[in-house]
Amino acid sequence: MIDSLITALGAEFVQLSLTPIVIGILGAVACALPGNFLLLRRQALIGDAISHVVLPGIVAAFLVTGTITAVPMMIGAGCAAIVAVILIEIVKRLGRVEPGAAMGLVFTTLFAAGVLFLEMTDTSSVHIDVQHALLGNLESLIWFDAEGWQSLLDPLALATLPPQLPRLAVVLVGIVLFITLFWKELKISTFDAAFAEAIGIRTRVLGFALVVVTAIAAVAAFDAVGSIIVIAMFVCPPAAARLMTNQLGRQIGWSVTFAVISAILGYVFAGYGPGWFGSPYAVSAAGMIATISGIILLLACLFGPQRKRTGQRAEA
């Protein structure tokens, strides 16, 4: 009887919870990895900016194509990013304002335009609305054909996995390859851009490539986990990791660890936490994952070994 109960619980977990947790982990790690370099370059809010920009591009791509496949979404997000750059230059030159002010104006305007498009158009049939844009749809990414842990070895069952999982897995592998292949260049240009230029590293091209990788991670994670997790994971795990160590390699390891912990605990607390306090309701998994990442950052600020040395640059 106990064995059958364990089997039933395992089958239920694999079908209902395993894929959302894995997708949450993939999205969190994919955002945290480039977030480390953005943080050290003092460009951490680029992830926030990109998350704001991609929304109108994704909505426009859906309105034009009628689908939410990866390629139109990437193209739409890329076009939105180009429009954002052009608008920032226009605002800077015509308004004679600082670049930060121009960026804040353009990004918030584009995000508001994206939300407005969502409200004015019928996108409910493909799960694109304000709620999904902000909080994602982790809870709905169920593996319907799973019958237990044995389904992990069943090619037919694996073929029915939610498409967000293999998409994020491919993006994460690409990000890992990018960081691995350009590890030396990224380290040198991050810590000493002038020296990197002197030895022949094209820092502007590398910086642009890093922004492109960041945009790809944001777009890939946007559909599954929403903009809240994307923004939180670009900043919180790398910032917490920076407070734990002064070495880049270890910082990346810490950031991945914090991202994984945030995804797992956030999903568990979102589904079961309210019940522990007598509430029959659950809360948003995306919001709880972002909250856990913020709590981890707070603990790192209070107890991290490097909390008193954050003004110093990390070591290569």
Protein backbone atom coordinates (compact mmCIF):
# COMPACT_ATOMS: atom_id res chain seq x y z
CA MET A 1 0.00 0.00 0.00
CA ILE A 2 2.83 2.38 0.89
CA ASP A 3 4.64 1.53 -2.34
CA SER A 4 1.55 2.26 -4.42
CA LEU A 5 1.06 5.58 -2.58
CA ILE A 6 4.66 6.57 -3.24
CA THR A 7 4.27 5.61 -6.90
CA ALA A 8 1.08 7.66 -7.21
CA LEU A 9 2.69 10.69 -5.56
CA GLY A 10 5.72 10.34 -7.81
CA ALA A 11 3.56 10.20 -10.91
CA GLU A 12 1.63 13.27 -9.78
CA PHE A 13 4.84 15.18 -9.06
CA VAL A 14 6.37 14.35 -12.44
CA GLN A 15 3.21 15.32 -14.28
CA LEU A 16 2.31 18.50 -12.42
CA SER A 17 5.43 19.92 -10.76
CA LEU A 18 8.61 18.56 -12.32
CA THR A 19 8.50 20.49 -15.58
CA PRO A 20 7.56 23.85 -14.00
CA ILE A 21 10.44 23.50 -11.54
CA VAL A 22 12.92 22.54 -14.27
CA ILE A 23 11.74 25.38 -16.52
CA GLY A 24 12.03 27.80 -13.62
CA ILE A 25 15.59 26.61 -12.95
CA LEU A 26 16.58 26.89 -16.61
CA GLY A 27 15.13 30.39 -16.90
CA ALA A 28 16.73 31.55 -13.65
CA VAL A 29 20.20 30.22 -14.53
CA ALA A 30 20.02 31.51 -18.11
CA CYS A 31 19.42 35.02 -16.77
CA ALA A 32 21.86 34.79 -13.86
CA LEU A 33 24.89 33.80 -15.97
CA PRO A 34 25.12 36.95 -18.15
CA GLY A 35 23.88 38.94 -15.17
CA ASN A 36 27.24 38.39 -13.46
CA PHE A 37 29.12 40.26 -16.17
CA LEU A 38 26.49 42.97 -16.41
CA LEU A 39 26.76 43.51 -12.65
CA LEU A 40 30.54 43.81 -12.69
CA ARG A 41 30.35 46.21 -15.65
CA ARG A 42 27.87 48.33 -13.67
CA GLN A 43 25.22 47.57 -16.28
CA ALA A 44 22.93 45.38 -14.19
CA LEU A 45 19.79 47.29 -15.18
CA ILE A 46 20.30 46.43 -18.84
CA GLY A 47 18.43 43.20 -18.08
CA ASP A 48 15.60 45.27 -16.63
CA ALA A 49 15.63 47.50 -19.69
CA ILE A 50 15.56 44.60 -22.13
CA SER A 51 12.69 43.00 -20.22
CA HIS A 52 10.70 46.20 -20.69
CA VAL A 53 11.56 46.52 -24.37
CA VAL A 54 10.73 42.97 -25.49
CA LEU A 55 7.07 43.12 -24.46
CA PRO A 56 5.79 45.39 -27.29
CA GLY A 57 7.99 43.49 -29.76
CA ILE A 58 6.53 40.14 -28.74
CA VAL A 59 2.97 41.46 -28.89
CA ALA A 60 3.58 43.04 -32.31
CA ALA A 61 5.10 39.79 -33.60
CA PHE A 62 2.03 37.87 -32.49
CA LEU A 63 -0.34 40.38 -34.07
CA VAL A 64 1.53 40.12 -37.39
CA THR A 65 2.09 36.35 -37.51
CA GLY A 66 -0.73 35.02 -35.34
CA THR A 67 1.66 32.58 -33.64
CA ILE A 68 3.92 32.59 -30.58
CA THR A 69 6.73 30.45 -32.00
CA ALA A 70 10.30 31.27 -31.09
CA VAL A 71 11.53 32.81 -34.34
CA PRO A 72 8.81 35.52 -34.70
CA MET A 73 9.16 36.34 -31.02
CA MET A 74 12.94 36.77 -31.35
CA ILE A 75 12.54 38.94 -34.46
CA GLY A 76 9.88 41.07 -32.78
CA ALA A 77 11.99 41.55 -29.67
CA GLY A 78 15.03 42.43 -31.79
CA CYS A 79 13.07 45.01 -33.77
CA ALA A 80 11.75 46.50 -30.51
CA ALA A 81 15.32 46.79 -29.22
CA ILE A 82 16.40 48.62 -32.39
CA VAL A 83 13.45 51.00 -32.09
CA ALA A 84 14.38 51.60 -28.44
CA VAL A 85 17.96 52.53 -29.35
CA ILE A 86 16.75 54.96 -32.02
CA LEU A 87 14.25 56.56 -29.66
CA ILE A 88 16.87 56.94 -26.94
CA GLU A 89 19.16 58.81 -29.35
CA ILE A 90 16.28 61.04 -30.45
CA VAL A 91 15.30 61.87 -26.87
CA LYS A 92 18.91 62.59 -25.90
CA ARG A 93 19.50 64.93 -28.82
CA LEU A 94 16.16 66.73 -28.94
CA GLY A 95 15.54 66.85 -25.21
CA ARG A 96 19.19 67.39 -24.25
CA VAL A 97 18.85 65.04 -21.30
CA GLU A 98 21.26 62.56 -19.79
CA PRO A 99 21.40 59.01 -21.27
CA GLY A 100 19.96 57.48 -18.09
CA ALA A 101 16.94 59.76 -18.20
CA ALA A 102 16.40 59.04 -21.90
CA MET A 103 16.62 55.29 -21.27
CA GLY A 104 14.14 55.46 -18.40
CA LEU A 105 11.66 57.42 -20.48
CA VAL A 106 11.89 55.18 -23.54
CA PHE A 107 11.84 51.85 -21.70
CA THR A 108 8.88 52.66 -19.49
CA THR A 109 6.99 54.10 -22.47
CA LEU A 110 7.58 50.97 -24.56
CA PHE A 111 6.57 48.69 -21.70
CA ALA A 112 3.40 50.70 -21.14
CA ALA A 113 2.69 50.49 -24.88
CA GLY A 114 3.10 46.72 -24.72
CA VAL A 115 0.68 46.45 -21.81
CA LEU A 116 -1.78 48.67 -23.68
CA PHE A 117 -1.56 46.46 -26.76
CA LEU A 118 -2.27 43.42 -24.61
CA GLU A 119 -5.36 45.04 -23.15
CA MET A 120 -6.67 46.23 -26.53
CA THR A 121 -6.15 43.00 -28.50
CA ASP A 122 -7.57 39.52 -28.12
CA THR A 123 -4.61 37.36 -27.14
CA SER A 124 -6.32 35.10 -24.63
CA SER A 125 -6.29 32.12 -26.99
CA VAL A 126 -2.50 31.91 -26.85
CA HIS A 127 -2.04 32.92 -23.19
CA ILE A 128 -0.59 36.35 -23.85
CA ASP A 129 -2.03 38.92 -21.48
CA VAL A 130 -0.85 41.29 -18.78
CA GLN A 131 -0.80 38.58 -16.11
CA HIS A 132 1.29 36.22 -18.22
CA ALA A 133 3.57 39.05 -19.35
CA LEU A 134 4.36 39.96 -15.74
CA LEU A 135 4.12 36.61 -13.94
CA GLY A 136 4.51 34.05 -16.72
CA ASN A 137 2.59 30.78 -16.77
CA LEU A 138 4.77 28.33 -14.86
CA GLU A 139 1.81 26.68 -13.16
CA SER A 140 0.24 25.74 -16.49
CA LEU A 141 3.36 24.07 -17.96
CA ILE A 142 2.14 20.58 -17.15
CA TRP A 143 3.57 17.40 -18.69
CA PHE A 144 0.25 15.73 -19.48
CA ASP A 145 1.62 12.47 -20.93
CA ALA A 146 3.92 11.72 -18.00
CA GLU A 147 3.03 8.60 -16.05
CA GLY A 148 5.86 8.62 -13.53
CA TRP A 149 9.63 8.75 -13.39
CA GLN A 150 9.82 6.11 -16.14
CA SER A 151 8.49 8.71 -18.57
CA LEU A 152 11.90 10.40 -18.43
CA LEU A 153 13.19 7.47 -20.50
CA ASP A 154 10.20 7.27 -22.84
CA PRO A 155 10.87 9.02 -26.17
CA LEU A 156 7.14 9.31 -26.92
CA ALA A 157 6.46 10.97 -23.58
CA LEU A 158 9.50 13.24 -23.88
CA ALA A 159 8.19 14.44 -27.25
CA THR A 160 5.18 15.95 -25.46
CA LEU A 161 7.17 18.06 -23.00
CA PRO A 162 6.14 21.73 -22.87
CA PRO A 163 8.05 23.50 -25.68
CA GLN A 164 9.40 26.08 -23.25
CA LEU A 165 11.63 23.44 -21.62
CA PRO A 166 13.73 22.43 -24.66
CA ARG A 167 13.77 26.06 -25.84
CA LEU A 168 15.23 27.28 -22.56
CA ALA A 169 17.62 24.32 -22.44
CA VAL A 170 19.02 25.21 -25.88
CA VAL A 171 19.37 28.87 -24.89
CA LEU A 172 21.14 27.94 -21.64
CA VAL A 173 23.58 25.69 -23.51
CA GLY A 174 24.26 28.54 -25.94
CA ILE A 175 24.92 30.97 -23.08
CA VAL A 176 27.29 28.51 -21.40
CA LEU A 177 29.15 28.02 -24.70
CA PHE A 178 29.42 31.79 -25.21
CA ILE A 179 30.85 32.35 -21.73
CA THR A 180 33.21 29.36 -22.09
CA LEU A 181 34.52 30.35 -25.52
CA PHE A 182 35.05 34.01 -24.61
CA TRP A 183 35.92 33.54 -20.95
CA LYS A 184 39.33 35.21 -21.14
CA GLU A 185 38.04 38.12 -23.25
CA LEU A 186 35.04 38.65 -20.99
CA LYS A 187 37.21 38.69 -17.86
CA ILE A 188 39.76 41.13 -19.22
CA SER A 189 37.26 43.51 -20.78
CA THR A 190 35.08 43.44 -17.66
CA PHE A 191 37.89 44.36 -15.26
CA ASP A 192 40.07 46.57 -17.47
CA ALA A 193 38.53 47.71 -20.74
CA ALA A 194 41.51 49.93 -21.62
CA PHE A 195 43.97 47.04 -21.27
CA ALA A 196 41.65 44.81 -23.28
CA GLU A 197 41.64 47.37 -26.10
CA ALA A 198 45.43 47.62 -25.92
CA ILE A 199 45.93 43.90 -26.45
CA GLY A 200 43.52 43.76 -29.36
CA ILE A 201 40.23 42.68 -27.79
CA ARG A 202 37.30 44.38 -29.50
CA THR A 203 35.53 45.44 -26.35
CA ARG A 204 32.64 47.18 -28.09
CA VAL A 205 31.83 44.12 -30.18
CA LEU A 206 32.13 41.88 -27.12
CA GLY A 207 29.92 44.20 -25.09
CA PHE A 208 27.32 44.19 -27.85
CA ALA A 209 27.48 40.39 -27.99
CA LEU A 210 26.89 40.24 -24.24
CA VAL A 211 23.82 42.46 -24.61
CA VAL A 212 22.56 40.21 -27.43
CA VAL A 213 23.02 37.13 -25.25
CA THR A 214 21.17 38.92 -22.46
CA ALA A 215 18.32 39.74 -24.84
CA ILE A 216 18.10 36.13 -26.03
CA ALA A 217 17.92 34.90 -22.44
CA ALA A 218 15.24 37.46 -21.62
CA VAL A 219 13.09 36.61 -24.64
CA ALA A 220 13.41 32.85 -24.12
CA ALA A 221 12.47 33.12 -20.46
CA PHE A 222 9.78 35.75 -20.97
CA ASP A 223 7.06 33.40 -22.27
CA ALA A 224 7.48 30.81 -19.53
CA VAL A 225 8.39 32.78 -16.42
CA GLY A 226 7.35 36.38 -17.17
CA SER A 227 9.21 39.65 -16.81
CA ILE A 228 9.30 39.65 -12.99
CA ILE A 229 11.56 36.59 -12.76
CA VAL A 230 13.65 37.77 -15.70
CA ILE A 231 14.36 41.11 -14.03
CA ALA A 232 14.98 39.55 -10.61
CA MET A 233 17.32 36.84 -11.89
CA PHE A 234 19.49 39.25 -13.85
CA VAL A 235 20.23 41.13 -10.62
CA CYS A 236 19.57 39.21 -7.39
CA PRO A 237 21.63 35.98 -7.76
CA PRO A 238 24.70 37.77 -9.21
CA ALA A 239 24.49 40.52 -6.58
CA ALA A 240 24.15 37.99 -3.77
CA ALA A 241 27.03 35.97 -5.24
CA ARG A 242 29.19 39.11 -5.38
CA LEU A 243 28.70 39.46 -1.62
CA MET A 244 29.89 35.88 -1.09
CA THR A 245 33.22 35.95 -2.94
CA ASN A 246 35.71 38.23 -4.65
CA GLN A 247 36.62 35.81 -7.44
CA LEU A 248 34.71 35.70 -10.72
CA GLY A 249 34.62 31.93 -11.16
CA ARG A 250 33.28 31.36 -7.67
CA GLN A 251 30.84 34.23 -8.10
CA ILE A 252 29.31 32.53 -11.13
CA GLY A 253 29.07 29.28 -9.19
CA TRP A 254 27.34 31.03 -6.30
CA SER A 255 24.95 32.83 -8.63
CA VAL A 256 23.90 29.56 -10.28
CA THR A 257 23.39 28.00 -6.85
CA PHE A 258 21.25 30.92 -5.69
CA ALA A 259 19.22 30.85 -8.92
CA VAL A 260 18.50 27.13 -8.53
CA ILE A 261 17.56 27.52 -4.85
CA SER A 262 15.27 30.45 -5.67
CA ALA A 263 13.47 28.49 -8.40
CA ILE A 264 12.93 25.37 -6.29
CA LEU A 265 11.99 27.01 -3.01
CA GLY A 266 9.90 29.67 -4.75
CA TYR A 267 7.80 27.09 -6.57
CA VAL A 268 7.37 24.93 -3.46
CA PHE A 269 6.44 27.86 -1.23
CA ALA A 270 4.04 29.24 -3.83
CA GLY A 271 2.12 25.98 -4.04
CA TYR A 272 2.30 24.68 -0.49
CA GLY A 273 3.32 27.64 1.67
CA PRO A 274 -0.15 29.21 2.02
CA GLY A 275 -1.53 25.81 3.10
CA TRP A 276 0.95 25.71 5.96
CA PHE A 277 -0.76 28.82 7.31
CA GLY A 278 -4.27 27.47 6.81
CA SER A 279 -5.04 29.19 3.50
CA PRO A 280 -6.69 27.09 0.75
CA TYR A 281 -5.15 29.26 -1.98
CA ALA A 282 -1.79 29.29 -3.73
CA VAL A 283 0.22 32.32 -4.82
CA SER A 284 2.08 33.12 -8.02
CA ALA A 285 5.14 30.92 -8.50
CA ALA A 286 6.95 33.67 -10.42
CA GLY A 287 6.34 36.24 -7.72
CA MET A 288 7.47 33.84 -5.00
CA ILE A 289 10.63 32.89 -6.90
CA ALA A 290 11.49 36.57 -7.24
CA THR A 291 10.74 37.05 -3.53
CA ILE A 292 13.02 34.18 -2.52
CA SER A 293 15.83 35.61 -4.66
CA GLY A 294 15.34 38.95 -2.91
CA ILE A 295 15.47 37.27 0.50
CA ILE A 296 18.70 35.51 -0.47
CA LEU A 297 20.16 38.87 -1.52
CA LEU A 298 19.08 40.40 1.79
CA LEU A 299 20.75 37.58 3.75
CA ALA A 300 23.91 38.03 1.67
CA CYS A 301 23.86 41.75 2.45
CA LEU A 302 23.62 40.99 6.17
CA PHE A 303 25.96 38.02 6.46
CA GLY A 304 27.97 37.71 3.23
CA PRO A 305 31.77 37.57 3.66
CA GLN A 306 32.29 40.39 1.14
CA ARG A 307 29.50 42.67 2.37
CA LYS A 308 32.03 45.24 3.66
CA ARG A 309 34.13 45.16 0.49
CA THR A 310 31.51 45.70 -2.22
CA GLY A 311 33.24 48.87 -3.34
CA GLN A 312 36.22 46.79 -4.53
CA ARG A 313 36.33 45.13 -7.92
CA ALA A 314 36.10 41.36 -8.07
CA GLU A 315 39.20 39.35 -8.95
CA ALA A 316 39.57 37.40 -12.15
